[in-house]
Amino acid sequence: MVKSNSDIYMNDYVHKVGNRKEKEISFYATAENFLEGCRFNDSLHALAAGKPILIPKGVYFFRTHAEADQQRMDYLVRAIAATESKNQGET
């Protein structure tokens, strides 16, 4: 079997991150999945509502794009966790 260029590209450069299983799509939603979706939606709205993702001001130098992405992801996760903990306190 001949590999296409896209197959070669995908195998060489795409890295799988995490191991969360996707939720099954069904006609009837469970209450647990519905609540999880609501919390996710609330978190996204809180981030977009002007609540800053606090990355300290400064000039940052990174050796790779992966290091820069990791810093951005770390601060994004902190912001989401803070929003979630606030939401858990309200319920």
C-alpha atoms as a PDB file:
ATOM      1  CA  MET A   1       0.000   0.000   0.000  1.00  0.00           C
ATOM      2  CA  VAL A   2       1.343   3.413  -0.961  1.00  0.00           C
ATOM      3  CA  LYS A   3       1.191   6.109   1.697  1.00  0.00           C
ATOM      4  CA  SER A   4      -0.034   9.530   0.714  1.00  0.00           C
ATOM      5  CA  ASN A   5       1.824  12.672   1.699  1.00  0.00           C
ATOM      6  CA  SER A   6      -0.851  13.472   4.279  1.00  0.00           C
ATOM      7  CA  ASP A   7      -0.377  10.048   5.949  1.00  0.00           C
ATOM      8  CA  ILE A   8       3.356  10.611   6.191  1.00  0.00           C
ATOM      9  CA  TYR A   9       2.843  14.131   7.552  1.00  0.00           C
ATOM     10  CA  MET A  10       0.312  13.003  10.151  1.00  0.00           C
ATOM     11  CA  ASN A  11       2.511  10.210  11.476  1.00  0.00           C
ATOM     12  CA  ASP A  12       5.633  12.360  11.692  1.00  0.00           C
ATOM     13  CA  TYR A  13       4.287  15.556  13.222  1.00  0.00           C
ATOM     14  CA  VAL A  14       1.001  14.989  15.040  1.00  0.00           C
ATOM     15  CA  HIS A  15       1.270  14.112  18.719  1.00  0.00           C
ATOM     16  CA  LYS A  16      -1.629  12.620  20.644  1.00  0.00           C
ATOM     17  CA  VAL A  17      -2.205  14.507  23.885  1.00  0.00           C
ATOM     18  CA  GLY A  18      -4.285  12.989  26.665  1.00  0.00           C
ATOM     19  CA  ASN A  19      -6.400   9.881  26.710  1.00  0.00           C
ATOM     20  CA  ARG A  20      -9.913  11.128  27.404  1.00  0.00           C
ATOM     21  CA  LYS A  21     -12.597   9.126  25.662  1.00  0.00           C
ATOM     22  CA  GLU A  22     -15.154  11.020  23.632  1.00  0.00           C
ATOM     23  CA  LYS A  23     -18.702  10.951  24.891  1.00  0.00           C
ATOM     24  CA  GLU A  24     -21.061   8.871  22.835  1.00  0.00           C
ATOM     25  CA  ILE A  25     -23.466  10.934  20.787  1.00  0.00           C
ATOM     26  CA  SER A  26     -27.004   9.755  21.421  1.00  0.00           C
ATOM     27  CA  PHE A  27     -30.502  11.000  20.850  1.00  0.00           C
ATOM     28  CA  TYR A  28     -31.141  11.287  24.594  1.00  0.00           C
ATOM     29  CA  ALA A  29     -28.613  13.170  26.712  1.00  0.00           C
ATOM     30  CA  THR A  30     -27.809  12.050  30.233  1.00  0.00           C
ATOM     31  CA  ALA A  31     -28.093  14.547  33.058  1.00  0.00           C
ATOM     32  CA  GLU A  32     -24.394  14.117  33.831  1.00  0.00           C
ATOM     33  CA  ASN A  33     -23.336  14.965  30.265  1.00  0.00           C
ATOM     34  CA  PHE A  34     -25.772  17.876  30.173  1.00  0.00           C
ATOM     35  CA  LEU A  35     -24.360  19.365  33.390  1.00  0.00           C
ATOM     36  CA  GLU A  36     -20.794  18.870  32.175  1.00  0.00           C
ATOM     37  CA  GLY A  37     -21.694  20.699  28.961  1.00  0.00           C
ATOM     38  CA  CYS A  38     -23.273  23.530  30.939  1.00  0.00           C
ATOM     39  CA  ARG A  39     -20.171  23.920  33.114  1.00  0.00           C
ATOM     40  CA  PHE A  40     -17.937  23.909  30.038  1.00  0.00           C
ATOM     41  CA  ASN A  41     -20.133  26.537  28.373  1.00  0.00           C
ATOM     42  CA  ASP A  42     -20.080  28.711  31.503  1.00  0.00           C
ATOM     43  CA  SER A  43     -16.286  28.452  31.650  1.00  0.00           C
ATOM     44  CA  LEU A  44     -15.928  29.538  28.033  1.00  0.00           C
ATOM     45  CA  HIS A  45     -18.284  32.464  28.539  1.00  0.00           C
ATOM     46  CA  ALA A  46     -16.409  33.550  31.670  1.00  0.00           C
ATOM     47  CA  LEU A  47     -13.115  33.523  29.769  1.00  0.00           C
ATOM     48  CA  ALA A  48     -14.610  35.513  26.915  1.00  0.00           C
ATOM     49  CA  ALA A  49     -16.347  37.990  29.252  1.00  0.00           C
ATOM     50  CA  GLY A  50     -13.225  39.988  29.809  1.00  0.00           C
ATOM     51  CA  LYS A  51     -11.844  38.076  32.740  1.00  0.00           C
ATOM     52  CA  PRO A  52      -8.173  38.061  31.861  1.00  0.00           C
ATOM     53  CA  ILE A  53      -5.993  35.014  31.572  1.00  0.00           C
ATOM     54  CA  LEU A  54      -3.243  36.441  33.696  1.00  0.00           C
ATOM     55  CA  ILE A  55       0.140  36.030  32.038  1.00  0.00           C
ATOM     56  CA  PRO A  56       2.605  38.336  33.758  1.00  0.00           C
ATOM     57  CA  LYS A  57       3.851  41.153  31.585  1.00  0.00           C
ATOM     58  CA  GLY A  58       7.317  40.811  30.220  1.00  0.00           C
ATOM     59  CA  VAL A  59       9.370  39.556  27.340  1.00  0.00           C
ATOM     60  CA  TYR A  60       9.590  35.803  27.074  1.00  0.00           C
ATOM     61  CA  PHE A  61      12.124  33.833  25.066  1.00  0.00           C
ATOM     62  CA  PHE A  62      11.505  30.201  24.240  1.00  0.00           C
ATOM     63  CA  ARG A  63      13.735  27.670  22.543  1.00  0.00           C
ATOM     64  CA  THR A  64      10.817  26.030  20.763  1.00  0.00           C
ATOM     65  CA  HIS A  65       7.234  26.743  19.853  1.00  0.00           C
ATOM     66  CA  ALA A  66       6.280  23.823  22.092  1.00  0.00           C
ATOM     67  CA  GLU A  67       7.701  25.640  25.139  1.00  0.00           C
ATOM     68  CA  ALA A  68       5.747  28.791  24.276  1.00  0.00           C
ATOM     69  CA  ASP A  69       2.577  26.767  23.726  1.00  0.00           C
ATOM     70  CA  GLN A  70       3.119  25.008  27.047  1.00  0.00           C
ATOM     71  CA  GLN A  71       3.351  28.309  28.929  1.00  0.00           C
ATOM     72  CA  ARG A  72       0.185  29.581  27.260  1.00  0.00           C
ATOM     73  CA  MET A  73      -1.617  26.305  28.027  1.00  0.00           C
ATOM     74  CA  ASP A  74      -0.501  26.381  31.680  1.00  0.00           C
ATOM     75  CA  TYR A  75      -1.981  29.841  32.197  1.00  0.00           C
ATOM     76  CA  LEU A  76      -5.154  28.907  30.299  1.00  0.00           C
ATOM     77  CA  VAL A  77      -5.616  25.831  32.511  1.00  0.00           C
ATOM     78  CA  ARG A  78      -5.123  27.971  35.624  1.00  0.00           C
ATOM     79  CA  ALA A  79      -7.792  30.401  34.428  1.00  0.00           C
ATOM     80  CA  ILE A  80     -10.248  27.584  33.662  1.00  0.00           C
ATOM     81  CA  ALA A  81      -9.534  25.911  37.013  1.00  0.00           C
ATOM     82  CA  ALA A  82     -10.135  29.190  38.846  1.00  0.00           C
ATOM     83  CA  THR A  83     -13.426  29.666  37.013  1.00  0.00           C
ATOM     84  CA  GLU A  84     -14.473  26.079  37.722  1.00  0.00           C
ATOM     85  CA  SER A  85     -13.642  26.334  41.427  1.00  0.00           C
ATOM     86  CA  LYS A  86     -15.695  29.529  41.588  1.00  0.00           C
ATOM     87  CA  ASN A  87     -18.579  27.777  39.816  1.00  0.00           C
ATOM     88  CA  GLN A  88     -18.377  24.780  42.192  1.00  0.00           C
ATOM     89  CA  GLY A  89     -18.643  27.148  45.144  1.00  0.00           C
ATOM     90  CA  GLU A  90     -21.855  28.651  43.733  1.00  0.00           C
ATOM     91  CA  THR A  91     -23.705  25.342  43.365  1.00  0.00           C
END
